[in-house]
C-alpha atoms as a PDB file:
ATOM      1  CA  MET A   1      43.508 -34.846 -60.704  1.00  0.00           C
ATOM      2  CA  PHE A   2      43.241 -35.357 -64.308  1.00  0.00           C
ATOM      3  CA  SER A   3      43.738 -32.776 -66.747  1.00  0.00           C
ATOM      4  CA  ALA A   4      43.091 -32.102 -70.550  1.00  0.00           C
ATOM      5  CA  ALA A   5      46.270 -30.948 -71.127  1.00  0.00           C
ATOM      6  CA  SER A   6      48.482 -34.583 -69.551  1.00  0.00           C
ATOM      7  CA  ALA A   7      45.436 -37.053 -70.179  1.00  0.00           C
ATOM      8  CA  TRP A   8      45.543 -39.441 -73.278  1.00  0.00           C
ATOM      9  CA  ALA A   9      43.330 -41.778 -74.642  1.00  0.00           C
ATOM     10  CA  ALA A  10      44.181 -46.141 -75.043  1.00  0.00           C
ATOM     11  CA  PRO A  11      43.058 -46.719 -78.528  1.00  0.00           C
ATOM     12  CA  THR A  12      44.227 -50.796 -79.374  1.00  0.00           C
ATOM     13  CA  SER A  13      47.885 -50.274 -79.985  1.00  0.00           C
ATOM     14  CA  PHE A  14      50.697 -51.650 -81.673  1.00  0.00           C
ATOM     15  CA  ASN A  15      54.530 -51.597 -81.763  1.00  0.00           C
ATOM     16  CA  PHE A  16      56.610 -52.795 -84.744  1.00  0.00           C
ATOM     17  CA  THR A  17      58.908 -54.866 -85.499  1.00  0.00           C
ATOM     18  CA  ARG A  18      61.819 -54.061 -88.232  1.00  0.00           C
ATOM     19  CA  ILE A  19      62.827 -56.501 -91.058  1.00  0.00           C
ATOM     20  CA  THR A  20      66.010 -54.775 -91.840  1.00  0.00           C
ATOM     21  CA  SER A  21      68.989 -53.973 -90.392  1.00  0.00           C
ATOM     22  CA  ASN A  22      70.074 -51.188 -91.851  1.00  0.00           C
ATOM     23  CA  ALA A  23      70.408 -48.123 -88.638  1.00  0.00           C
ATOM     24  CA  ALA A  24      72.528 -48.895 -86.071  1.00  0.00           C
ATOM     25  CA  GLU A  25      69.037 -48.879 -83.893  1.00  0.00           C
ATOM     26  CA  ASP A  26      66.277 -50.153 -83.952  1.00  0.00           C
ATOM     27  CA  VAL A  27      62.907 -47.723 -83.341  1.00  0.00           C
ATOM     28  CA  GLY A  28      60.304 -50.219 -83.463  1.00  0.00           C
ATOM     29  CA  SER A  29      59.277 -49.784 -80.096  1.00  0.00           C
ATOM     30  CA  GLN A  30      59.038 -46.270 -80.000  1.00  0.00           C
ATOM     31  CA  LEU A  31      56.783 -46.389 -83.504  1.00  0.00           C
ATOM     32  CA  GLN A  32      52.911 -47.239 -82.823  1.00  0.00           C
ATOM     33  CA  MET A  33      49.550 -47.668 -84.782  1.00  0.00           C
ATOM     34  CA  ASP A  34      46.492 -46.901 -82.736  1.00  0.00           C
ATOM     35  CA  VAL A  35      43.247 -48.633 -84.539  1.00  0.00           C
ATOM     36  CA  TYR A  36      39.920 -47.097 -83.685  1.00  0.00           C
ATOM     37  CA  ASN A  37      36.286 -48.367 -83.801  1.00  0.00           C
ATOM     38  CA  ASN A  38      33.108 -45.968 -84.476  1.00  0.00           C
ATOM     39  CA  THR A  39      32.894 -45.133 -80.567  1.00  0.00           C
ATOM     40  CA  ASP A  40      36.312 -44.624 -79.905  1.00  0.00           C
ATOM     41  CA  ALA A  41      37.034 -41.971 -82.877  1.00  0.00           C
ATOM     42  CA  SER A  42      33.742 -40.241 -82.020  1.00  0.00           C
ATOM     43  CA  ALA A  43      34.930 -39.752 -78.619  1.00  0.00           C
ATOM     44  CA  PHE A  44      38.249 -39.252 -78.764  1.00  0.00           C
ATOM     45  CA  LEU A  45      39.098 -37.642 -81.983  1.00  0.00           C
ATOM     46  CA  ASN A  46      35.616 -36.166 -83.066  1.00  0.00           C
ATOM     47  CA  GLN A  47      36.079 -38.218 -86.510  1.00  0.00           C
ATOM     48  CA  SER A  48      32.457 -40.447 -87.734  1.00  0.00           C
ATOM     49  CA  LEU A  49      33.459 -44.069 -88.920  1.00  0.00           C
ATOM     50  CA  THR A  50      30.382 -45.386 -89.906  1.00  0.00           C
ATOM     51  CA  ASN A  51      31.182 -48.567 -91.198  1.00  0.00           C
ATOM     52  CA  LYS A  52      34.818 -47.860 -91.579  1.00  0.00           C
ATOM     53  CA  ILE A  53      37.745 -48.294 -89.501  1.00  0.00           C
ATOM     54  CA  LEU A  54      40.863 -45.244 -88.231  1.00  0.00           C
ATOM     55  CA  PHE A  55      44.454 -46.265 -87.889  1.00  0.00           C
ATOM     56  CA  THR A  56      46.531 -43.435 -86.646  1.00  0.00           C
ATOM     57  CA  PHE A  57      50.785 -43.730 -86.473  1.00  0.00           C
ATOM     58  CA  ALA A  58      52.493 -41.956 -84.403  1.00  0.00           C
ATOM     59  CA  ASN A  59      56.690 -42.087 -83.644  1.00  0.00           C
ATOM     60  CA  SER A  60      57.415 -41.032 -79.973  1.00  0.00           C
ATOM     61  CA  ALA A  61      60.743 -40.189 -81.148  1.00  0.00           C
ATOM     62  CA  GLN A  62      63.205 -40.916 -78.354  1.00  0.00           C
ATOM     63  CA  THR A  63      65.519 -41.455 -81.488  1.00  0.00           C
ATOM     64  CA  ALA A  64      65.372 -39.709 -84.605  1.00  0.00           C
ATOM     65  CA  ALA A  65      63.132 -41.176 -87.021  1.00  0.00           C
ATOM     66  CA  ASN A  66      60.822 -40.339 -89.914  1.00  0.00           C
ATOM     67  CA  ILE A  67      58.045 -42.861 -90.492  1.00  0.00           C
ATOM     68  CA  ALA A  68      57.529 -42.053 -94.493  1.00  0.00           C
ATOM     69  CA  GLU A  69      55.661 -44.363 -96.104  1.00  0.00           C
ATOM     70  CA  ILE A  70      52.787 -46.743 -94.757  1.00  0.00           C
ATOM     71  CA  TYR A  71      51.286 -50.065 -96.631  1.00  0.00           C
ATOM     72  CA  PHE A  72      48.767 -52.763 -96.093  1.00  0.00           C
ATOM     73  CA  ASP A  73      49.024 -56.274 -96.433  1.00  0.00           C
ATOM     74  CA  ASP A  74      45.655 -57.407 -96.524  1.00  0.00           C
ATOM     75  CA  SER A  75      43.826 -60.336 -97.158  1.00  0.00           C
ATOM     76  CA  GLY A  76      40.023 -59.631 -97.680  1.00  0.00           C
ATOM     77  CA  PHE A  77      39.353 -57.181 -95.289  1.00  0.00           C
ATOM     78  CA  LEU A  78      39.529 -53.741 -96.698  1.00  0.00           C
ATOM     79  CA  ALA A  79      37.279 -52.216 -99.673  1.00  0.00           C
ATOM     80  CA  SER A  80      38.803 -49.240-100.128  1.00  0.00           C
ATOM     81  CA  GLN A  81      41.350 -46.351 -98.311  1.00  0.00           C
ATOM     82  CA  THR A  82      38.474 -43.511 -98.259  1.00  0.00           C
ATOM     83  CA  ALA A  83      40.983 -40.490 -96.270  1.00  0.00           C
ATOM     84  CA  ILE A  84      44.545 -39.622 -95.287  1.00  0.00           C
ATOM     85  CA  LEU A  85      44.184 -37.531 -92.505  1.00  0.00           C
ATOM     86  CA  ASN A  86      47.035 -35.054 -91.492  1.00  0.00           C
ATOM     87  CA  SER A  87      45.336 -32.825 -89.001  1.00  0.00           C
ATOM     88  CA  LEU A  88      45.151 -35.214 -86.321  1.00  0.00           C
ATOM     89  CA  GLY A  89      48.208 -34.177 -84.555  1.00  0.00           C
ATOM     90  CA  GLY A  90      51.395 -32.404 -85.249  1.00  0.00           C
ATOM     91  CA  PHE A  91      52.183 -31.518 -88.837  1.00  0.00           C
ATOM     92  CA  THR A  92      52.557 -34.260 -91.806  1.00  0.00           C
ATOM     93  CA  SER A  93      52.042 -34.556 -95.006  1.00  0.00           C
ATOM     94  CA  PHE A  94      50.878 -37.282 -97.087  1.00  0.00           C
ATOM     95  CA  SER A  95      49.144 -38.618-100.029  1.00  0.00           C
ATOM     96  CA  PRO A  96      48.408 -41.887-100.951  1.00  0.00           C
ATOM     97  CA  VAL A  97      50.444 -44.194-102.493  1.00  0.00           C
ATOM     98  CA  SER A  98      50.675 -43.994-106.535  1.00  0.00           C
ATOM     99  CA  TRP A  99      49.546 -46.827-107.779  1.00  0.00           C
ATOM    100  CA  THR A 100      49.367 -46.905-111.797  1.00  0.00           C
ATOM    101  CA  LYS A 101      51.923 -45.831-114.590  1.00  0.00           C
ATOM    102  CA  PRO A 102      50.858 -43.567-117.270  1.00  0.00           C
ATOM    103  CA  ASN A 103      49.441 -45.618-119.284  1.00  0.00           C
ATOM    104  CA  GLY A 104      47.396 -46.922-116.284  1.00  0.00           C
ATOM    105  CA  THR A 105      48.915 -50.273-115.689  1.00  0.00           C
ATOM    106  CA  LEU A 106      49.844 -50.783-112.317  1.00  0.00           C
ATOM    107  CA  LYS A 107      52.814 -50.629-110.351  1.00  0.00           C
ATOM    108  CA  ASN A 108      54.997 -53.017-108.555  1.00  0.00           C
ATOM    109  CA  VAL A 109      54.716 -51.402-105.487  1.00  0.00           C
ATOM    110  CA  VAL A 110      56.748 -53.044-102.164  1.00  0.00           C
ATOM    111  CA  LEU A 111      57.589 -52.773 -98.867  1.00  0.00           C
ATOM    112  CA  PRO A 112      61.495 -52.250 -99.126  1.00  0.00           C
ATOM    113  CA  GLY A 113      63.091 -55.121 -97.462  1.00  0.00           C
ATOM    114  CA  GLY A 114      59.050 -56.639 -97.342  1.00  0.00           C
ATOM    115  CA  ASN A 115      60.690 -60.151 -98.915  1.00  0.00           C
ATOM    116  CA  ASN A 116      62.457 -59.870 -95.249  1.00  0.00           C
ATOM    117  CA  ALA A 117      59.166 -60.923 -93.365  1.00  0.00           C
ATOM    118  CA  ASP A 118      57.394 -64.420 -93.327  1.00  0.00           C
ATOM    119  CA  PRO A 119      55.131 -64.707 -95.237  1.00  0.00           C
ATOM    120  CA  ASP A 120      56.719 -62.098 -97.514  1.00  0.00           C
ATOM    121  CA  PHE A 121      54.711 -58.364 -97.176  1.00  0.00           C
ATOM    122  CA  GLU A 122      52.842 -57.920-100.298  1.00  0.00           C
ATOM    123  CA  PRO A 123      51.173 -54.071-100.536  1.00  0.00           C
ATOM    124  CA  THR A 124      47.195 -54.428-100.967  1.00  0.00           C
ATOM    125  CA  PRO A 125      46.775 -51.883-103.782  1.00  0.00           C
ATOM    126  CA  TYR A 126      45.221 -48.698-103.490  1.00  0.00           C
ATOM    127  CA  PHE A 127      46.076 -48.732 -99.852  1.00  0.00           C
ATOM    128  CA  GLY A 128      48.694 -46.733 -98.328  1.00  0.00           C
ATOM    129  CA  ALA A 129      50.534 -43.531 -98.083  1.00  0.00           C
ATOM    130  CA  ASN A 130      53.944 -42.110 -98.925  1.00  0.00           C
ATOM    131  CA  VAL A 131      55.164 -38.489 -97.617  1.00  0.00           C
ATOM    132  CA  ASP A 132      55.205 -35.378 -99.690  1.00  0.00           C
ATOM    133  CA  PRO A 133      58.084 -34.921-101.602  1.00  0.00           C
ATOM    134  CA  GLY A 134      59.996 -31.930-100.172  1.00  0.00           C
ATOM    135  CA  ASN A 135      61.083 -31.451 -96.217  1.00  0.00           C
ATOM    136  CA  PRO A 136      61.562 -34.802 -94.084  1.00  0.00           C
ATOM    137  CA  SER A 137      59.705 -32.419 -91.148  1.00  0.00           C
ATOM    138  CA  LEU A 138      56.414 -33.652 -93.569  1.00  0.00           C
ATOM    139  CA  GLY A 139      56.493 -37.251 -92.048  1.00  0.00           C
ATOM    140  CA  VAL A 140      55.901 -38.416 -88.981  1.00  0.00           C
ATOM    141  CA  ASN A 141      58.945 -37.334 -86.805  1.00  0.00           C
ATOM    142  CA  THR A 142      58.046 -35.724 -83.211  1.00  0.00           C
ATOM    143  CA  GLY A 143      55.792 -36.587 -80.729  1.00  0.00           C
ATOM    144  CA  SER A 144      53.037 -34.629 -81.324  1.00  0.00           C
ATOM    145  CA  ASP A 145      52.875 -36.163 -84.785  1.00  0.00           C
ATOM    146  CA  VAL A 146      49.614 -38.290 -85.638  1.00  0.00           C
ATOM    147  CA  LEU A 147      48.816 -39.768 -89.384  1.00  0.00           C
ATOM    148  CA  GLY A 148      45.398 -40.874 -89.944  1.00  0.00           C
ATOM    149  CA  ILE A 149      43.958 -43.078 -92.519  1.00  0.00           C
ATOM    150  CA  LEU A 150      40.520 -44.143 -93.000  1.00  0.00           C
ATOM    151  CA  VAL A 151      39.520 -47.537 -94.523  1.00  0.00           C
ATOM    152  CA  SER A 152      35.876 -49.185 -94.957  1.00  0.00           C
ATOM    153  CA  LEU A 153      35.413 -52.558 -94.658  1.00  0.00           C
ATOM    154  CA  ASN A 154      34.336 -55.359 -97.077  1.00  0.00           C
ATOM    155  CA  ASN A 155      30.500 -56.328 -96.476  1.00  0.00           C
ATOM    156  CA  GLY A 156      30.320 -58.578 -93.179  1.00  0.00           C
ATOM    157  CA  TYR A 157      33.013 -57.305 -91.414  1.00  0.00           C
ATOM    158  CA  SER A 158      33.747 -55.125 -88.422  1.00  0.00           C
ATOM    159  CA  PHE A 159      36.049 -53.951 -85.848  1.00  0.00           C
ATOM    160  CA  ASP A 160      36.698 -57.568 -83.859  1.00  0.00           C
ATOM    161  CA  ASP A 161      37.569 -58.721 -87.378  1.00  0.00           C
ATOM    162  CA  ILE A 162      40.321 -56.298 -87.722  1.00  0.00           C
ATOM    163  CA  SER A 163      41.591 -56.819 -84.593  1.00  0.00           C
ATOM    164  CA  SER A 164      41.881 -60.949 -84.824  1.00  0.00           C
ATOM    165  CA  ALA A 165      43.351 -59.965 -88.287  1.00  0.00           C
ATOM    166  CA  LEU A 166      46.178 -57.947 -86.936  1.00  0.00           C
ATOM    167  CA  THR A 167      46.592 -60.314 -84.217  1.00  0.00           C
ATOM    168  CA  SER A 168      46.700 -63.430 -86.556  1.00  0.00           C
ATOM    169  CA  GLY A 169      48.427 -61.368 -89.322  1.00  0.00           C
ATOM    170  CA  ALA A 170      45.655 -62.004 -92.063  1.00  0.00           C
ATOM    171  CA  LEU A 171      45.837 -58.440 -91.750  1.00  0.00           C
ATOM    172  CA  ARG A 172      49.269 -56.364 -91.639  1.00  0.00           C
ATOM    173  CA  ILE A 173      50.808 -53.253 -91.638  1.00  0.00           C
ATOM    174  CA  GLY A 174      53.946 -52.053 -92.976  1.00  0.00           C
ATOM    175  CA  MET A 175      56.428 -48.641 -92.790  1.00  0.00           C
ATOM    176  CA  HIS A 176      59.070 -47.226 -94.011  1.00  0.00           C
ATOM    177  CA  VAL A 177      60.699 -45.019 -91.764  1.00  0.00           C
ATOM    178  CA  ARG A 178      63.763 -42.893 -92.966  1.00  0.00           C
ATOM    179  CA  SER A 179      66.342 -40.579 -90.870  1.00  0.00           C
ATOM    180  CA  ILE A 180      66.938 -43.198 -88.037  1.00  0.00           C
ATOM    181  CA  GLY A 181      69.770 -42.089 -85.445  1.00  0.00           C
ATOM    182  CA  ALA A 182      72.692 -40.431 -85.892  1.00  0.00           C
ATOM    183  CA  ALA A 183      73.629 -42.032 -89.634  1.00  0.00           C
ATOM    184  CA  GLY A 184      70.014 -41.216 -90.854  1.00  0.00           C
ATOM    185  CA  ALA A 185      69.769 -44.799 -92.454  1.00  0.00           C
ATOM    186  CA  SER A 186      66.617 -46.006 -93.279  1.00  0.00           C
ATOM    187  CA  ASP A 187      64.496 -49.348 -92.286  1.00  0.00           C
ATOM    188  CA  SER A 188      61.667 -51.276 -92.990  1.00  0.00           C
ATOM    189  CA  PHE A 189      58.893 -52.586 -90.059  1.00  0.00           C
ATOM    190  CA  ILE A 190      55.617 -54.505 -89.797  1.00  0.00           C
ATOM    191  CA  ASN A 191      53.115 -54.442 -86.739  1.00  0.00           C
ATOM    192  CA  ASN A 192      53.751 -56.527 -83.933  1.00  0.00           C
ATOM    193  CA  ARG A 193      50.411 -59.133 -83.561  1.00  0.00           C
ATOM    194  CA  ILE A 194      49.863 -58.921 -79.845  1.00  0.00           C
ATOM    195  CA  PRO A 195      48.999 -55.532 -78.775  1.00  0.00           C
ATOM    196  CA  THR A 196      50.831 -52.994 -76.536  1.00  0.00           C
ATOM    197  CA  GLU A 197      49.311 -51.152 -73.579  1.00  0.00           C
ATOM    198  CA  THR A 198      51.628 -48.461 -74.449  1.00  0.00           C
ATOM    199  CA  ILE A 199      49.576 -44.914 -73.889  1.00  0.00           C
ATOM    200  CA  SER A 200      48.291 -43.099 -77.310  1.00  0.00           C
ATOM    201  CA  GLY A 201      49.617 -39.483 -78.274  1.00  0.00           C
ATOM    202  CA  VAL A 202      46.081 -38.640 -79.123  1.00  0.00           C
ATOM    203  CA  PRO A 203      44.899 -36.352 -76.643  1.00  0.00           C
ATOM    204  CA  LEU A 204      41.489 -37.033 -74.765  1.00  0.00           C
ATOM    205  CA  PRO A 205      38.837 -33.884 -75.302  1.00  0.00           C
ATOM    206  CA  ALA A 206      38.247 -32.188 -72.079  1.00  0.00           C
ATOM    207  CA  SER A 207      34.739 -33.612 -71.659  1.00  0.00           C
ATOM    208  CA  ALA A 208      36.028 -36.939 -71.786  1.00  0.00           C
ATOM    209  CA  TRP A 209      38.387 -36.120 -68.638  1.00  0.00           C
ATOM    210  CA  MET A 210      35.328 -34.307 -66.745  1.00  0.00           C
ATOM    211  CA  PHE A 211      32.982 -37.463 -67.224  1.00  0.00           C
ATOM    212  CA  LEU A 212      35.908 -39.585 -66.169  1.00  0.00           C
ATOM    213  CA  SER A 213      37.107 -36.993 -63.476  1.00  0.00           C
ATOM    214  CA  GLY A 214      33.324 -36.645 -62.187  1.00  0.00           C
ATOM    215  CA  LEU A 215      32.702 -40.168 -62.309  1.00  0.00           C
ATOM    216  CA  VAL A 216      36.171 -40.940 -60.015  1.00  0.00           C
ATOM    217  CA  GLY A 217      34.659 -38.802 -57.729  1.00  0.00           C
ATOM    218  CA  PHE A 218      31.433 -40.436 -57.685  1.00  0.00           C
ATOM    219  CA  LEU A 219      33.205 -43.718 -57.075  1.00  0.00           C
ATOM    220  CA  GLY A 220      35.227 -42.549 -53.890  1.00  0.00           C
ATOM    221  CA  TRP A 221      32.353 -41.280 -52.496  1.00  0.00           C
ATOM    222  CA  GLN A 222      30.794 -44.487 -52.774  1.00  0.00           C
ATOM    223  CA  ARG A 223      33.728 -45.747 -51.216  1.00  0.00           C
ATOM    224  CA  ARG A 224      33.207 -43.160 -48.189  1.00  0.00           C
ATOM    225  CA  LYS A 225      29.474 -43.729 -47.938  1.00  0.00           C
ATOM    226  CA  ALA A 226      29.877 -47.541 -47.819  1.00  0.00           C
ATOM    227  CA  ALA A 227      32.242 -47.175 -44.424  1.00  0.00           C
ATOM    228  CA  VAL A 228      30.266 -44.702 -42.576  1.00  0.00           C
END
């Protein structure tokens, strides 16, 4: 039987490919990005996303690792970053990337090692999140941590367009991960283009699982009825 404590939601999910080779361990397969449309975000996370998309980031942490920086390389699908959500699961503390110098000019913000990607990973200004200074535990470094980044779309684009852009490479997400393995090295990663079937680290609400449990029971009753 399903239970709210052990059941999980499964939005569109992507793992990551390493583009640098500093750490002895490649943790790309334990890094996960889930992309939520309006319906799923409302049902699973109680988030209202009218004309918005929610990206969440998790780390199953089989090997010690700390997601510390996240960047977007966008070809024009995203209008603005509207919020960073630090309270979806576990404990994280991220702030928007600082994009301007004191004199107001744009900083040259890069994903470390982003020139190893093909094509080069070029962060889009005013998108992304950096872990706040201080204890490394502020990053995404346990199986219960979930960081969310909420973005609005340019006119004419939908969730399906974002899904297609992620699989074509027209929209790429990069992350810098620190404190990897025993040596504590760091590496950079870019999302894979093929979605995974990895189970998300975000629990479904009890009401959703009550509905699914009832549906399973109803289907079982229908089968028994048909067999009589």
